[in-house]
Every structure is written in C-alpha cells, then in structure tokens.
C-alpha cells in the first residue's frame, strides 16, 4: 500500500508538472503571437502615415506648380494683348496716314484746278472779246472742266476713305483674332485644390492572454495519481 501510494503521488506530481510546463509553454507562445501581431500592425500604421504624408506633400507641390504655370499663362496673355494693341495701332496709323496723304493731295489739286479756272476766266475776259454767246460758252466750258476735276477729286477722296474703312476693319478683325488666340492659350490646370489623404486608422492593440491557472494541471495530476494508486492497489 505504501509503494502504491508513493507511486501514485510520483505519477500525479509528474503529470501535474508536465501539465504546468506544457500550459506555460502554450501561454508563452500565445503571448509571442499577440506581440508579433501588434508589432506588425504598428509598423504598418507608421508606414501608412509616412506614405500619406509623402503623397500629400507631392500633391501640394504639383498644385503649386500648376498655380505658377497658370499665373505665367495669364501674364503671357496680357502681354500678348499689349503687343496686339500696339500692332493694331501701328496698322491703323499707317492706314490713316495714307488717307491723309490722299486727302491732302486732292486738296492741292482742287486748289490748283481752281487757280487754273480763275486764270482761264481772266484770260477770256481780258482778251477784249465782246460779250456774247461765244464768250459765255468759253466761260461755261472752263467751269465745266473745273467741275469734272472736282468730281474726280471727290471720287478719289471717297475711294480713299472707303479703302481706309476696309483696312481699319481688317485691322480690328486681326486684333480680335489675335486676342482670341491668346485667350484660348490660357491654361487652367489648377482648377481644384487637392484634398488631404484620409486619416490613417490607428490599429487596436491586442491584449496578451492571461496566464492560465495551475489548478487544472494539479487536479489532472491528482486524478492521474489516484488512478495509478487504484491500479497498484488492485
């Protein structure tokens, strides 16, 4: 009976010790797995924050470059409008100068014709010819010739004015077309400001499992010892 009791106690103690060792090993393994999972989640969280910060910075740099390009485009547009206006003024001034020259030439020719007509009338009147139908016809012919020349001069001035209007209209059309092309070249790439990335979700840290009680292995050892004792007693 004493030997059976001793062997039962030894078997129970061995069973309890082995159970405690196995239980502690399983607990340590579970704790290590939880710690590893928490470390991986924490590293991923830090990586996501770094990537989001880099992406936001990159979007800000791109948006700034777009704003600068758009501003430069608008400055080029206004500069081109100034150039177009200068060119239109130059072309218009050239056309006006041509019109003034033709009008001035017509005025001189008109004065010259008037002087010749007066001279011709004076010559007829000073010729000593008796007043009559012949003299009246000669004076009428001088007036008619002067009227023809004036009509030609007036037609020339009218044509010159018409040509000036056509040229001025072409100048205005050219300026409008140049301004339209310059306006269409304005770039608007920075229409919408970039938005920041969504906030990275912080991972929830997993709590390690609680250390199991040794009561279970001890009870198992007791049951094993009782079983050995019962077998040996029989």
Protein backbone atom coordinates (compact mmCIF):
# COMPACT_ATOMS: atom_id res chain seq x y z
CA UNK A 1 0.00 0.00 0.00
CA UNK A 2 2.86 2.39 0.79
CA UNK A 3 4.51 1.69 -2.51
CA UNK A 4 1.24 2.21 -4.36
CA UNK A 5 0.75 5.49 -2.54
CA UNK A 6 4.27 6.69 -3.31
CA UNK A 7 3.99 5.69 -6.94
CA UNK A 8 0.59 7.37 -7.15
CA UNK A 9 2.00 10.57 -5.68
CA UNK A 10 5.00 10.45 -8.04
CA UNK A 11 2.78 9.83 -11.07
CA UNK A 12 0.41 12.61 -10.04
CA UNK A 13 3.28 15.04 -9.40
CA UNK A 14 4.87 14.19 -12.74
CA UNK A 15 1.56 14.57 -14.54
CA UNK A 16 0.91 17.92 -12.81
CA UNK A 17 4.44 19.21 -13.54
CA UNK A 18 4.23 18.18 -17.19
CA UNK A 19 0.83 19.83 -17.47
CA UNK A 20 2.12 23.06 -15.90
CA UNK A 21 5.15 23.12 -18.21
CA UNK A 22 3.01 22.45 -21.29
CA UNK A 23 0.47 25.06 -20.20
CA UNK A 24 3.18 27.71 -19.62
CA UNK A 25 4.76 26.95 -22.99
CA UNK A 26 1.39 27.36 -24.72
CA UNK A 27 0.85 30.64 -22.88
CA UNK A 28 4.26 31.98 -23.86
CA UNK A 29 3.61 31.00 -27.47
CA UNK A 30 0.22 32.79 -27.44
CA UNK A 31 1.79 35.92 -25.90
CA UNK A 32 4.53 35.91 -28.53
CA UNK A 33 1.98 35.63 -31.32
CA UNK A 34 -0.03 38.55 -29.91
CA UNK A 35 3.11 40.69 -29.53
CA UNK A 36 4.19 39.87 -33.09
CA UNK A 37 0.75 40.76 -34.46
CA UNK A 38 0.80 44.07 -32.55
CA UNK A 39 4.30 44.89 -33.84
CA UNK A 40 3.27 44.19 -37.46
CA UNK A 41 0.13 46.34 -37.09
CA UNK A 42 2.14 49.16 -35.50
CA UNK A 43 4.77 49.09 -38.28
CA UNK A 44 2.08 49.07 -40.96
CA UNK A 45 0.41 52.06 -39.28
CA UNK A 46 3.68 54.01 -39.30
CA UNK A 47 4.31 53.10 -42.94
CA UNK A 48 0.81 54.23 -43.94
CA UNK A 49 1.29 57.57 -42.15
CA UNK A 50 4.61 58.11 -43.94
CA UNK A 51 3.12 57.26 -47.34
CA UNK A 52 0.12 59.55 -46.78
CA UNK A 53 2.38 62.42 -45.72
CA UNK A 54 4.56 61.94 -48.81
CA UNK A 55 1.53 61.77 -51.12
CA UNK A 56 0.02 64.93 -49.58
CA UNK A 57 3.32 66.77 -49.95
CA UNK A 58 3.62 65.64 -53.55
CA UNK A 59 0.05 66.77 -54.32
CA UNK A 60 0.81 70.16 -52.77
CA UNK A 61 3.97 70.55 -54.87
CA UNK A 62 2.10 69.62 -58.05
CA UNK A 63 -0.72 72.07 -57.23
CA UNK A 64 1.78 74.85 -56.55
CA UNK A 65 3.48 74.20 -59.89
CA UNK A 66 0.10 74.27 -61.62
CA UNK A 67 -0.76 77.62 -59.98
CA UNK A 68 2.56 79.07 -61.11
CA UNK A 69 2.03 77.78 -64.66
CA UNK A 70 -1.47 79.26 -64.77
CA UNK A 71 -0.22 82.62 -63.49
CA UNK A 72 2.55 82.65 -66.10
CA UNK A 73 -0.02 81.79 -68.76
CA UNK A 74 -2.23 84.72 -67.80
CA UNK A 75 0.74 87.08 -67.72
CA UNK A 76 1.65 85.92 -71.22
CA UNK A 77 -1.95 86.56 -72.30
CA UNK A 78 -1.96 90.16 -71.06
CA UNK A 79 1.47 90.75 -72.57
CA UNK A 80 0.26 89.39 -75.90
CA UNK A 81 -2.80 91.67 -75.73
CA UNK A 82 -0.49 94.66 -75.31
CA UNK A 83 1.53 93.54 -78.33
CA UNK A 84 -1.65 93.06 -80.34
CA UNK A 85 -2.83 96.54 -79.39
CA UNK A 86 0.48 98.08 -80.42
CA UNK A 87 0.37 96.27 -83.75
CA UNK A 88 -3.24 97.35 -84.32
CA UNK A 89 -2.32 100.96 -83.52
CA UNK A 90 0.59 100.82 -85.94
CA UNK A 91 -1.52 99.37 -88.76
CA UNK A 92 -4.33 101.85 -88.10
CA UNK A 93 -1.91 104.78 -88.06
CA UNK A 94 -0.45 103.62 -91.38
CA UNK A 95 -3.91 103.47 -92.95
CA UNK A 96 -4.80 106.90 -91.56
CA UNK A 97 -1.57 108.34 -92.90
CA UNK A 98 -2.38 107.01 -96.37
CA UNK A 99 -5.85 108.59 -96.17
CA UNK A 100 -4.44 111.94 -95.03
CA UNK A 101 -1.94 111.93 -97.89
CA UNK A 102 -4.65 111.31 -100.47
CA UNK A 103 -6.94 113.96 -98.97
CA UNK A 104 -4.09 116.47 -98.88
CA UNK A 105 -3.19 115.63 -102.48
CA UNK A 106 -6.81 116.10 -103.53
CA UNK A 107 -6.99 119.45 -101.74
CA UNK A 108 -3.86 120.68 -103.51
CA UNK A 109 -5.18 119.53 -106.87
CA UNK A 110 -8.51 121.20 -106.17
CA UNK A 111 -6.76 124.49 -105.34
CA UNK A 112 -4.59 124.12 -108.42
CA UNK A 113 -7.66 123.48 -110.61
CA UNK A 114 -9.46 126.46 -109.10
CA UNK A 115 -6.46 128.69 -109.79
CA UNK A 116 -6.28 127.49 -113.40
CA UNK A 117 -10.01 128.07 -113.84
CA UNK A 118 -9.75 131.60 -112.49
CA UNK A 119 -6.75 132.22 -114.70
CA UNK A 120 -8.62 130.92 -117.75
CA UNK A 121 -11.63 133.08 -116.98
CA UNK A 122 -9.39 136.09 -116.53
CA UNK A 123 -7.71 135.41 -119.85
CA UNK A 124 -11.05 135.21 -121.65
CA UNK A 125 -12.33 138.36 -120.03
CA UNK A 126 -9.08 140.25 -120.74
CA UNK A 127 -8.96 139.22 -124.35
CA UNK A 128 -11.14 142.18 -125.33
CA UNK A 129 -13.69 139.85 -126.89
CA UNK A 130 -17.14 141.34 -126.98
CA UNK A 131 -19.62 139.81 -124.57
CA UNK A 132 -21.80 137.35 -126.32
CA UNK A 133 -22.71 133.75 -126.77
CA UNK A 134 -19.18 132.75 -127.71
CA UNK A 135 -17.68 134.23 -124.54
CA UNK A 136 -20.39 132.64 -122.41
CA UNK A 137 -19.69 129.26 -123.97
CA UNK A 138 -15.99 129.59 -123.26
CA UNK A 139 -16.62 130.58 -119.63
CA UNK A 140 -19.11 127.71 -119.25
CA UNK A 141 -16.55 125.29 -120.67
CA UNK A 142 -13.99 126.44 -118.10
CA UNK A 143 -16.48 125.91 -115.29
CA UNK A 144 -17.43 122.51 -116.69
CA UNK A 145 -13.80 121.39 -116.83
CA UNK A 146 -13.32 122.56 -113.24
CA UNK A 147 -16.42 120.63 -112.21
CA UNK A 148 -15.10 117.45 -113.82
CA UNK A 149 -11.81 117.74 -111.99
CA UNK A 150 -13.57 118.39 -108.69
CA UNK A 151 -15.79 115.38 -109.26
CA UNK A 152 -12.72 113.24 -109.96
CA UNK A 153 -11.02 114.53 -106.83
CA UNK A 154 -14.13 113.89 -104.74
CA UNK A 155 -14.36 110.35 -106.13
CA UNK A 156 -10.69 109.81 -105.33
CA UNK A 157 -11.22 111.01 -101.74
CA UNK A 158 -14.32 108.80 -101.42
CA UNK A 159 -12.40 105.75 -102.66
CA UNK A 160 -9.53 106.52 -100.32
CA UNK A 161 -11.94 106.84 -97.38
CA UNK A 162 -13.63 103.57 -98.32
CA UNK A 163 -10.26 101.83 -98.61
CA UNK A 164 -9.31 103.21 -95.19
CA UNK A 165 -12.52 101.83 -93.67
CA UNK A 166 -11.84 98.39 -95.16
CA UNK A 167 -8.26 98.41 -93.88
CA UNK A 168 -9.37 99.55 -90.43
CA UNK A 169 -11.96 96.78 -90.34
CA UNK A 170 -9.27 94.26 -91.25
CA UNK A 171 -7.03 95.65 -88.51
CA UNK A 172 -9.82 95.25 -85.96
CA UNK A 173 -10.51 91.70 -87.13
CA UNK A 174 -6.83 90.79 -86.91
CA UNK A 175 -6.62 92.21 -83.40
CA UNK A 176 -9.75 90.35 -82.32
CA UNK A 177 -8.40 87.09 -83.74
CA UNK A 178 -5.02 87.57 -82.09
CA UNK A 179 -6.67 88.38 -78.74
CA UNK A 180 -8.91 85.32 -79.04
CA UNK A 181 -5.98 83.03 -79.77
CA UNK A 182 -4.08 84.50 -76.84
CA UNK A 183 -7.07 83.98 -74.55
CA UNK A 184 -7.53 80.39 -75.68
CA UNK A 185 -3.90 79.70 -74.80
CA UNK A 186 -4.54 80.44 -71.12
CA UNK A 187 -4.08 77.26 -69.09
CA UNK A 188 -6.25 76.43 -66.08
CA UNK A 189 -4.71 73.26 -64.70
CA UNK A 190 -5.13 74.16 -61.02
CA UNK A 191 -8.92 74.23 -61.08
CA UNK A 192 -9.49 72.28 -57.84
CA UNK A 193 -7.24 72.30 -54.80
CA UNK A 194 -6.05 68.84 -53.75
CA UNK A 195 -7.56 67.28 -50.65
CA UNK A 196 -5.58 65.68 -47.86
CA UNK A 197 -5.47 61.93 -47.50
CA UNK A 198 -7.87 60.23 -45.12
CA UNK A 199 -6.57 59.88 -41.62
CA UNK A 200 -4.84 56.58 -41.11
CA UNK A 201 -6.77 54.39 -38.69
CA UNK A 202 -4.73 53.53 -35.62
CA UNK A 203 -4.70 49.78 -35.03
CA UNK A 204 -6.27 48.41 -31.85
CA UNK A 205 -3.61 46.72 -29.77
CA UNK A 206 -4.44 43.18 -28.82
CA UNK A 207 -4.11 42.35 -25.14
CA UNK A 208 -1.95 39.32 -24.36
CA UNK A 209 -3.78 36.31 -22.93
CA UNK A 210 -3.89 35.96 -19.19
CA UNK A 211 -1.59 33.45 -17.57
CA UNK A 212 -3.55 30.25 -17.03
CA UNK A 213 -4.09 28.87 -13.55
CA UNK A 214 -2.05 25.87 -12.39
CA UNK A 215 -5.13 24.40 -10.73
CA UNK A 216 -6.04 22.45 -13.86
CA UNK A 217 -2.72 20.58 -14.20
CA UNK A 218 -2.68 19.93 -10.41
CA UNK A 219 -6.16 18.45 -10.49
CA UNK A 220 -5.15 16.43 -13.51
CA UNK A 221 -2.08 15.20 -11.64
CA UNK A 222 -4.17 14.25 -8.63
CA UNK A 223 -6.57 12.34 -10.83
CA UNK A 224 -3.66 10.57 -12.51
CA UNK A 225 -2.07 9.73 -9.14
CA UNK A 226 -5.35 8.34 -7.83
CA UNK A 227 -5.66 6.26 -10.96
CA UNK A 228 -2.16 4.81 -10.54
CA UNK A 229 -2.82 4.15 -6.87
CA UNK A 230 -6.03 2.36 -7.69
CA UNK A 231 -4.37 0.16 -10.30
CA UNK A 232 -1.48 -0.76 -7.96
CA UNK A 233 -3.84 -1.41 -5.08
CA UNK A 234 -5.83 -3.84 -7.16
